[in-house]
Protein backbone atom coordinates (compact mmCIF):
# COMPACT_ATOMS: atom_id res chain seq x y z
CA MET A 1 -3.33 32.47 1.59
CA ALA A 2 -1.91 32.25 -1.93
CA LYS A 3 0.80 34.84 -1.25
CA SER A 4 1.64 33.97 2.36
CA MET A 5 4.31 31.38 3.08
CA ILE A 6 2.98 28.11 4.48
CA SER A 7 4.60 25.12 6.14
CA VAL A 8 5.57 21.89 4.42
CA GLU A 9 2.78 20.11 6.29
CA GLN A 10 0.20 22.66 5.17
CA ALA A 11 1.36 22.30 1.58
CA GLU A 12 0.92 18.53 1.79
CA THR A 13 -2.60 18.93 3.15
CA LEU A 14 -3.66 21.46 0.52
CA ILE A 15 -2.40 19.23 -2.29
CA ALA A 16 -4.11 16.15 -0.85
CA GLN A 17 -7.44 18.01 -0.67
CA GLN A 18 -7.41 18.59 -4.43
CA ILE A 19 -6.55 15.06 -5.56
CA LYS A 20 -9.17 12.97 -7.32
CA PRO A 21 -8.61 9.30 -8.13
CA THR A 22 -8.05 8.38 -11.75
CA GLN A 23 -10.35 6.06 -13.68
CA ILE A 24 -10.22 2.29 -13.24
CA ILE A 25 -9.23 0.25 -16.28
CA ASN A 26 -8.87 -3.48 -16.85
CA CYS A 27 -5.30 -4.71 -17.29
CA SER A 28 -4.08 -8.11 -18.46
CA LEU A 29 -1.81 -10.00 -16.12
CA GLY A 30 1.08 -9.73 -18.56
CA ASN A 31 0.94 -5.94 -18.42
CA ALA A 32 0.26 -5.58 -14.70
CA VAL A 33 3.80 -4.96 -13.44
CA GLY A 34 4.11 -1.41 -12.16
CA GLN A 35 0.34 -0.83 -12.02
CA VAL A 36 -1.68 -0.02 -8.91
CA LEU A 37 -4.38 -2.54 -8.03
CA ARG A 38 -7.80 -0.98 -7.45
CA THR A 39 -9.63 -3.91 -5.86
CA GLU A 40 -8.85 -6.55 -3.29
CA VAL A 41 -8.06 -10.03 -4.57
CA CYS A 42 -8.98 -13.21 -2.68
CA ALA A 43 -7.67 -16.76 -2.85
CA GLU A 44 -9.42 -18.66 -5.63
CA ARG A 45 -9.13 -21.99 -3.77
CA ASP A 46 -7.71 -23.34 -0.55
CA GLU A 47 -3.95 -22.85 -0.52
CA PRO A 48 -2.66 -25.42 -1.15
CA PRO A 49 -5.77 -26.81 -2.87
CA PHE A 50 -4.96 -30.42 -1.85
CA ASP A 51 -2.72 -32.33 0.53
CA ARG A 52 0.55 -31.70 -1.28
CA VAL A 53 3.69 -33.83 -1.29
CA MET A 54 6.70 -31.77 -0.22
CA MET A 55 9.57 -34.15 -1.08
CA ASP A 56 10.46 -36.70 -3.74
CA GLY A 57 10.27 -40.14 -2.18
CA ILE A 58 7.54 -42.57 -1.19
CA ALA A 59 4.11 -42.12 0.39
CA THR A 60 2.76 -44.81 2.69
CA HIS A 61 0.63 -45.43 5.76
CA HIS A 62 2.52 -44.69 8.96
CA GLY A 63 0.70 -47.41 10.85
CA ALA A 64 2.71 -50.05 8.96
CA PHE A 65 5.98 -48.59 10.28
CA ASN A 66 4.55 -48.67 13.81
CA LYS A 67 4.01 -52.40 13.33
CA GLY A 68 7.67 -52.84 12.42
CA ARG A 69 7.58 -52.64 8.62
CA ARG A 70 10.66 -51.10 6.96
CA ARG A 71 10.32 -52.61 3.49
CA TYR A 72 7.44 -51.76 1.12
CA GLY A 73 6.41 -52.92 -2.29
CA VAL A 74 6.28 -50.07 -4.81
CA GLN A 75 2.69 -50.09 -6.03
CA ALA A 76 2.80 -47.15 -8.49
CA VAL A 77 4.20 -43.70 -9.21
CA GLN A 78 2.28 -40.50 -8.36
CA ALA A 79 3.51 -37.54 -10.43
CA ALA A 80 2.56 -33.90 -10.02
CA GLY A 81 -0.58 -32.97 -11.92
CA GLU A 82 -2.10 -36.45 -11.83
CA PRO A 83 -5.28 -37.50 -9.97
CA PRO A 84 -4.60 -39.13 -6.58
CA GLN A 85 -3.98 -42.85 -6.57
CA GLN A 86 -5.27 -45.22 -3.87
CA LEU A 87 -2.86 -47.09 -1.59
CA LYS A 88 -4.04 -50.71 -1.76
CA SER A 89 -2.34 -52.18 1.34
CA ASP A 90 -0.20 -51.23 4.32
CA ASP A 91 2.74 -53.23 3.03
CA ALA A 92 2.84 -51.10 -0.13
CA CYS A 93 3.99 -47.57 -0.97
CA ILE A 94 3.60 -45.18 -3.87
CA GLU A 95 6.55 -43.30 -5.32
CA VAL A 96 5.72 -39.56 -5.22
CA MET A 97 7.15 -36.41 -6.72
CA THR A 98 7.37 -32.98 -5.12
CA GLY A 99 4.15 -31.06 -5.74
CA ALA A 100 2.04 -34.16 -6.34
CA VAL A 101 -1.28 -34.72 -4.60
CA LEU A 102 -0.94 -37.10 -1.63
CA PRO A 103 -2.26 -40.55 -2.62
CA THR A 104 -5.43 -41.63 -0.85
CA GLY A 105 -4.74 -43.81 2.17
CA CYS A 106 -1.27 -42.33 2.76
CA ASP A 107 -0.35 -40.18 5.75
CA CYS A 108 3.44 -40.10 5.58
CA VAL A 109 6.06 -39.10 2.98
CA ILE A 110 9.56 -40.51 3.33
CA PRO A 111 12.24 -38.60 1.35
CA VAL A 112 14.18 -40.34 -1.38
CA GLU A 113 17.46 -39.90 0.52
CA ASP A 114 16.06 -41.99 3.41
CA ILE A 115 15.22 -45.01 1.28
CA GLU A 116 16.75 -47.47 -1.13
CA ILE A 117 14.68 -48.70 -4.05
CA SER A 118 15.58 -52.00 -5.68
CA GLU A 119 13.67 -54.66 -7.60
CA GLY A 120 10.28 -53.03 -7.02
CA HIS A 121 10.70 -52.50 -3.29
CA ALA A 122 11.58 -49.45 -1.13
CA GLU A 123 13.48 -50.05 2.10
CA LEU A 124 14.18 -47.53 4.85
CA ARG A 125 17.84 -46.81 5.52
CA ASP A 126 19.24 -47.65 8.95
CA GLY A 127 18.29 -45.14 11.61
CA VAL A 128 15.43 -43.57 9.64
CA THR A 129 12.37 -43.02 11.84
CA PRO A 130 9.49 -41.46 9.88
CA LYS A 131 6.67 -39.57 11.59
CA ALA A 132 3.01 -39.48 10.73
CA GLY A 133 2.16 -36.43 8.62
CA GLN A 134 5.76 -35.56 7.75
CA PHE A 135 6.51 -33.72 4.50
CA ILE A 136 2.82 -33.20 3.74
CA HIS A 137 1.62 -29.66 3.01
CA ARG A 138 -1.97 -29.89 4.22
CA ARG A 139 -4.84 -28.47 2.19
CA GLY A 140 -5.74 -24.91 3.19
CA SER A 141 -2.87 -24.70 5.71
CA ASP A 142 -1.53 -21.52 4.08
CA ARG A 143 -4.95 -19.88 3.78
CA PRO A 144 -8.51 -20.98 3.06
CA ARG A 145 -10.48 -20.14 -0.06
CA GLY A 146 -11.77 -16.54 -0.08
CA THR A 147 -8.98 -15.16 2.12
CA ARG A 148 -7.71 -11.76 0.95
CA VAL A 149 -4.28 -12.10 -0.65
CA LEU A 150 -3.81 -8.57 -2.07
CA GLU A 151 -5.28 -5.25 -0.96
CA ALA A 152 -6.57 -2.43 -3.14
CA GLY A 153 -3.81 0.16 -3.54
CA THR A 154 -1.03 -2.41 -3.89
CA LEU A 155 1.77 -1.56 -6.33
CA LEU A 156 2.14 -4.66 -8.46
CA GLY A 157 5.65 -6.04 -8.68
CA ALA A 158 6.89 -9.51 -9.62
CA THR A 159 5.73 -11.10 -6.37
CA GLU A 160 2.26 -9.59 -6.60
CA VAL A 161 1.84 -10.64 -10.23
CA ALA A 162 2.72 -14.21 -9.25
CA VAL A 163 0.11 -14.04 -6.47
CA LEU A 164 -2.49 -12.80 -8.97
CA ALA A 165 -1.70 -15.71 -11.26
CA ALA A 166 -1.99 -18.16 -8.36
CA ALA A 167 -5.38 -16.63 -7.55
CA GLY A 168 -6.55 -17.30 -11.11
CA GLN A 169 -6.67 -13.65 -12.18
CA ALA A 170 -6.10 -13.32 -15.93
CA SER A 171 -6.78 -9.58 -15.69
CA VAL A 172 -7.28 -7.08 -12.89
CA PRO A 173 -8.71 -3.57 -12.40
CA VAL A 174 -5.94 -1.02 -12.02
CA ALA A 175 -5.64 2.76 -11.87
CA ARG A 176 -5.28 4.49 -15.21
CA ARG A 177 -2.14 6.58 -15.16
CA PRO A 178 -2.74 10.29 -15.84
CA ARG A 179 -1.52 12.23 -18.85
CA ILE A 180 1.22 14.59 -17.69
CA SER A 181 2.66 17.66 -19.38
CA VAL A 182 6.12 18.88 -18.42
CA ILE A 183 6.98 22.45 -19.43
CA SER A 184 10.20 24.35 -18.86
CA THR A 185 10.43 28.11 -19.33
CA GLY A 186 13.30 30.51 -19.88
CA ASP A 187 15.16 32.20 -22.73
CA GLU A 188 18.50 31.18 -21.22
CA LEU A 189 17.92 27.43 -21.63
CA VAL A 190 19.47 25.44 -24.48
CA ASP A 191 18.91 21.75 -25.20
CA PRO A 192 21.82 19.29 -24.95
CA GLY A 193 23.67 18.88 -28.23
CA ARG A 194 22.89 22.36 -29.53
CA PRO A 195 25.33 25.29 -29.76
CA ILE A 196 25.38 27.30 -26.55
CA ALA A 197 26.51 30.86 -25.79
CA PRO A 198 28.64 31.71 -22.72
CA TYR A 199 25.65 33.40 -21.07
CA GLN A 200 23.27 30.47 -21.56
CA VAL A 201 22.73 27.23 -19.61
CA ARG A 202 21.67 23.74 -20.55
CA ARG A 203 18.02 22.73 -20.32
CA SER A 204 18.25 19.94 -17.74
CA ASN A 205 15.12 20.24 -15.58
CA PRO A 206 12.58 18.59 -17.90
CA TYR A 207 14.94 15.71 -18.61
CA GLY A 208 15.25 15.03 -14.88
CA ILE A 209 11.50 15.41 -14.35
CA VAL A 210 10.58 13.10 -17.21
CA ALA A 211 13.15 10.53 -16.10
CA ALA A 212 11.78 10.51 -12.56
CA LEU A 213 8.21 10.18 -13.81
CA SER A 214 9.17 7.34 -16.15
CA VAL A 215 10.96 5.42 -13.41
CA ALA A 216 7.83 5.80 -11.27
CA GLY A 217 5.77 4.18 -14.04
CA PHE A 218 4.18 7.22 -15.71
CA THR A 219 4.36 6.81 -19.47
CA ASP A 220 1.90 9.28 -20.98
CA ILE A 221 4.16 12.33 -20.79
CA HIS A 222 4.51 15.33 -23.09
CA SER A 223 7.50 17.63 -22.70
CA ALA A 224 7.96 21.12 -24.14
CA HIS A 225 9.98 24.31 -23.66
CA LEU A 226 8.64 27.86 -23.79
CA PRO A 227 10.38 31.25 -24.12
CA ASP A 228 9.81 34.06 -21.63
CA GLU A 229 7.07 35.61 -23.76
CA PRO A 230 3.72 35.89 -21.90
CA VAL A 231 1.54 35.58 -25.01
CA VAL A 232 3.31 32.45 -26.22
CA MET A 233 3.45 31.02 -22.72
CA ARG A 234 -0.25 31.46 -22.10
CA ARG A 235 -1.23 29.95 -25.44
CA GLU A 236 0.93 26.89 -25.04
CA ILE A 237 0.26 26.35 -21.33
CA GLU A 238 -3.47 26.64 -21.93
CA ALA A 239 -3.23 24.07 -24.74
CA GLN A 240 -1.29 21.64 -22.59
CA LEU A 241 -3.58 22.11 -19.60
CA SER A 242 -6.62 21.26 -21.73
CA GLN A 243 -5.03 17.95 -22.74
CA SER A 244 -3.52 16.92 -19.41
CA GLU A 245 -4.56 15.91 -15.94
CA VAL A 246 -1.28 17.02 -14.37
CA LEU A 247 0.85 19.96 -15.45
CA VAL A 248 4.40 20.35 -14.12
CA LEU A 249 6.26 23.56 -14.91
CA SER A 250 9.78 24.61 -13.99
CA GLY A 251 10.93 28.22 -13.88
CA GLY A 252 9.17 31.57 -14.07
CA VAL A 253 7.48 31.24 -10.69
CA SER A 254 9.42 33.65 -8.43
CA MET A 255 9.04 37.42 -8.08
CA GLY A 256 11.18 38.74 -10.96
CA LYS A 257 9.99 40.71 -13.99
CA HIS A 258 10.30 37.63 -16.20
CA ASP A 259 8.53 35.29 -13.76
CA HIS A 260 5.25 35.24 -15.69
CA VAL A 261 3.78 31.92 -14.55
CA PRO A 262 1.67 33.10 -11.56
CA ALA A 263 0.03 35.92 -13.56
CA ILE A 264 -0.63 33.62 -16.53
CA MET A 265 -2.24 31.05 -14.25
CA ASP A 266 -4.47 33.73 -12.78
CA ALA A 267 -5.49 34.92 -16.25
CA MET A 268 -6.29 31.33 -17.26
CA GLY A 269 -8.63 30.85 -14.32
CA VAL A 270 -6.37 28.39 -12.52
CA THR A 271 -7.09 28.44 -8.80
CA VAL A 272 -3.97 29.02 -6.70
CA HIS A 273 -3.86 27.09 -3.42
CA PHE A 274 -0.45 28.25 -2.28
CA HIS A 275 2.64 30.08 -3.46
CA CYS A 276 5.75 29.83 -1.27
CA VAL A 277 6.53 27.10 1.23
CA ALA A 278 8.77 27.53 4.28
CA GLN A 279 11.50 25.26 2.97
CA ARG A 280 14.94 25.30 1.40
CA PRO A 281 15.44 24.64 -1.40
CA GLY A 282 12.23 25.26 -3.33
CA LYS A 283 10.60 28.07 -1.36
CA PRO A 284 8.78 29.64 -4.39
CA LEU A 285 6.83 26.40 -5.05
CA TRP A 286 3.38 27.16 -6.53
CA PHE A 287 0.38 24.82 -6.62
CA GLY A 288 -3.06 25.24 -8.18
CA THR A 289 -5.91 23.45 -9.90
CA GLY A 290 -7.28 23.99 -13.39
CA PRO A 291 -10.90 24.48 -14.45
CA ASP A 292 -11.40 20.72 -14.79
CA GLY A 293 -9.57 19.81 -11.61
CA GLN A 294 -6.15 19.40 -13.24
CA LEU A 295 -3.26 19.51 -10.79
CA VAL A 296 -0.76 22.27 -11.60
CA PHE A 297 2.68 22.29 -9.99
CA ALA A 298 4.92 25.25 -10.83
CA LEU A 299 8.40 24.43 -9.54
CA PRO A 300 11.23 26.90 -9.05
CA GLY A 301 13.79 26.94 -11.87
CA ASN A 302 16.92 26.00 -9.93
CA PRO A 303 17.58 22.31 -10.62
CA VAL A 304 18.10 21.16 -7.02
CA SER A 305 14.82 22.85 -6.07
CA VAL A 306 13.07 21.18 -9.00
CA LEU A 307 14.09 17.67 -8.00
CA VAL A 308 13.41 18.18 -4.29
CA CYS A 309 9.91 19.53 -4.97
CA LEU A 310 9.25 16.79 -7.51
CA TYR A 311 10.08 13.99 -5.07
CA ARG A 312 8.60 15.68 -2.03
CA TYR A 313 5.24 16.77 -3.51
CA VAL A 314 4.59 15.83 -7.14
CA LEU A 315 5.37 12.11 -7.10
CA PRO A 316 3.47 11.49 -3.83
CA ALA A 317 0.47 13.35 -5.29
CA LEU A 318 0.56 11.17 -8.41
CA GLU A 319 0.67 8.01 -6.28
CA HIS A 320 -2.30 9.35 -4.34
CA MET A 321 -4.20 9.81 -7.63
CA LEU A 322 -3.60 6.15 -8.41
CA GLY A 323 -4.91 5.07 -5.03
CA LYS A 324 -1.54 3.61 -4.05
CA THR A 325 -1.39 2.54 -0.43
CA SER A 326 0.96 4.78 1.53
CA GLY A 327 3.73 2.87 3.23
CA LEU A 328 5.52 3.84 6.39
CA LEU A 329 7.76 6.88 5.93
CA GLU A 330 11.35 5.70 5.86
CA ARG A 331 13.61 7.28 8.46
CA VAL A 332 17.38 7.37 8.80
CA LYS A 333 20.01 8.67 11.24
CA LEU A 334 22.41 11.47 10.32
CA ALA A 335 26.02 10.29 10.09
CA ASP A 336 27.34 13.78 10.97
CA ALA A 337 26.01 16.80 12.84
CA VAL A 338 24.73 19.76 10.78
CA GLU A 339 23.43 23.26 11.54
CA PHE A 340 20.82 25.34 9.73
CA ALA A 341 19.92 28.77 11.10
CA ALA A 342 16.95 29.66 8.86
CA LYS A 343 13.46 28.94 10.20
CA LEU A 344 12.70 26.74 7.23
CA THR A 345 12.41 23.02 6.66
CA TRP A 346 15.73 21.97 5.22
CA PHE A 347 15.79 19.33 2.52
CA LEU A 348 19.36 18.13 2.74
CA PRO A 349 20.82 15.83 0.04
CA ILE A 350 22.56 12.78 1.49
CA ARG A 351 24.51 9.66 0.64
CA LEU A 352 23.45 6.46 2.38
CA ARG A 353 26.02 4.31 4.12
CA ALA A 354 26.01 1.45 6.61
CA SER A 355 27.52 1.97 10.06
CA THR A 356 29.77 -0.64 11.63
CA ASP A 357 26.77 -2.11 13.45
CA GLY A 358 24.81 -2.42 10.20
CA GLN A 359 22.47 0.57 10.65
CA LEU A 360 21.68 2.76 7.67
CA GLN A 361 23.04 6.29 8.02
CA ALA A 362 22.70 9.49 5.99
CA GLN A 363 25.94 11.26 5.15
CA PRO A 364 25.12 14.97 4.55
CA ASN A 365 26.03 16.16 1.06
CA PRO A 366 24.82 19.79 0.89
CA PRO A 367 25.08 21.53 -2.50
CA ASN A 368 26.78 24.90 -2.79
CA THR A 369 23.49 26.46 -3.94
CA SER A 370 20.13 25.30 -5.27
CA GLY A 371 21.67 25.61 -8.73
CA ASP A 372 24.44 23.11 -7.95
CA LEU A 373 22.91 20.18 -9.84
CA THR A 374 26.16 18.24 -10.29
CA SER A 375 26.52 17.84 -6.51
CA LEU A 376 23.49 15.53 -6.56
CA ALA A 377 25.33 12.93 -8.65
CA GLY A 378 25.97 9.93 -6.44
CA THR A 379 23.55 11.01 -3.73
CA ASP A 380 20.73 8.68 -2.72
CA GLY A 381 18.09 11.27 -1.89
CA PHE A 382 17.50 13.86 0.80
CA VAL A 383 16.30 14.12 4.37
CA GLY A 384 13.80 16.61 5.80
CA LEU A 385 15.09 18.55 8.80
CA ALA A 386 12.49 20.32 10.94
CA ALA A 387 12.12 24.10 10.74
CA GLU A 388 11.83 24.36 14.54
CA LYS A 389 15.43 23.27 15.12
CA LYS A 390 18.81 24.83 14.29
CA GLN A 391 21.18 22.07 15.34
CA PHE A 392 20.92 18.47 14.22
CA PRO A 393 23.39 16.22 16.03
CA GLU A 394 24.94 13.03 14.74
CA GLY A 395 22.31 10.30 15.10
CA TYR A 396 19.37 12.68 14.58
CA VAL A 397 16.52 10.70 13.01
CA ALA A 398 14.98 12.32 9.92
CA PRO A 399 12.52 11.27 7.20
CA LEU A 400 14.25 9.99 4.08
CA PHE A 401 13.17 10.66 0.49
CA ARG A 402 15.03 8.51 -2.04
CA TRP A 403 15.80 9.50 -5.61
CA ARG A 404 15.52 5.85 -6.59
CA PRO A 405 12.81 4.22 -4.48
CA PRO A 406 12.58 0.43 -4.53
CA ALA A 407 9.73 0.21 -7.03
CA MET A 408 9.16 -1.43 -10.38
CA ALA A 409 9.95 0.86 -13.31
CA ARG A 410 8.25 1.15 -16.65
CA THR A 411 9.44 3.24 -19.54
CA GLY A 412 7.35 4.90 -22.19
CA HIS A 413 7.62 7.07 -25.26
CA VAL A 414 8.02 10.77 -24.53
CA LYS A 415 7.51 13.31 -27.24
CA HIS A 416 9.82 16.34 -27.03
CA ASP A 417 8.91 19.43 -29.02
């Protein structure tokens, strides 16, 4: 199975079978943004926890209005955060502020714009007809105490952190993010800022990989570059594998004389689960597991292939490790027809645009080759086009994989050797 080409769906399944959840750690509320919740959270109290005033104005007993009263003596003021006061008579009212507890004996709130207050009395304006129960947010009307407000697997953004605070959670159990090593290989690669020969190319893959991981919230990342020397490669890869839970390599994974990665993995005792997926770009993708269950992704060296494989397989696997709840796969319509003769799943870069009727469409933006990294600038992601088809008409609906998913980002320190 390791040497035979498998489908995209088979690759997904084989990866999923090897994933083990990371440890659970306790996280303070102030550091919870971008973390994945590992337990359900329930409402601490009824929501709201008391009959809550919804408007600035006065609170009174509606029965007095029914008897013809339109002028009330102002008995007191009820501010937010104070214990409830007691209405002493039907001809009285209590001034109330938004968010205050409803005074005892009151069943109606009349907004400040519907009254005139003068010399200790509040009088209804002409035409104002209050109703019993108006502008009162009843206790438990949103949800009763003990109701689940967040599920395990939720990615915590600003809204979720606010919900946690409202539920009284000063800290929560979250998934510990794995340590990740990113290794590029190849004698032809030169770091940005260093002198470069005409026959060399810039080392861009690890910078793109680390950036994508950082945006997705992974902060414990080590990045290194190795020459095409098997002895050096094995020593350094073995060292990184022993210190990491996920290893991501780029380059050296195809069938050439200098593609040493598969043989090195075999010599290290890394179990190969597949090598070659029926897709373009990224067909030489290699996946295995280390002696301690580490996930090892060896991505092809061409930069478009690297990013496609990263977003299609690596990032979803990392989210799975964290126990993140899988959302619905986003789908989008092609803005133009395309053709693809090869019997491979085609991952086609696209730009998103809105049609005249407001629907999101994917404008095809195919690169010249899988080495055409610059063509990805300005694209929004890629779509997956089924291997069983050759022609994809305008309006064809395809799964969308965004470069920049709508998720909270965290940045961390990355050590480059």
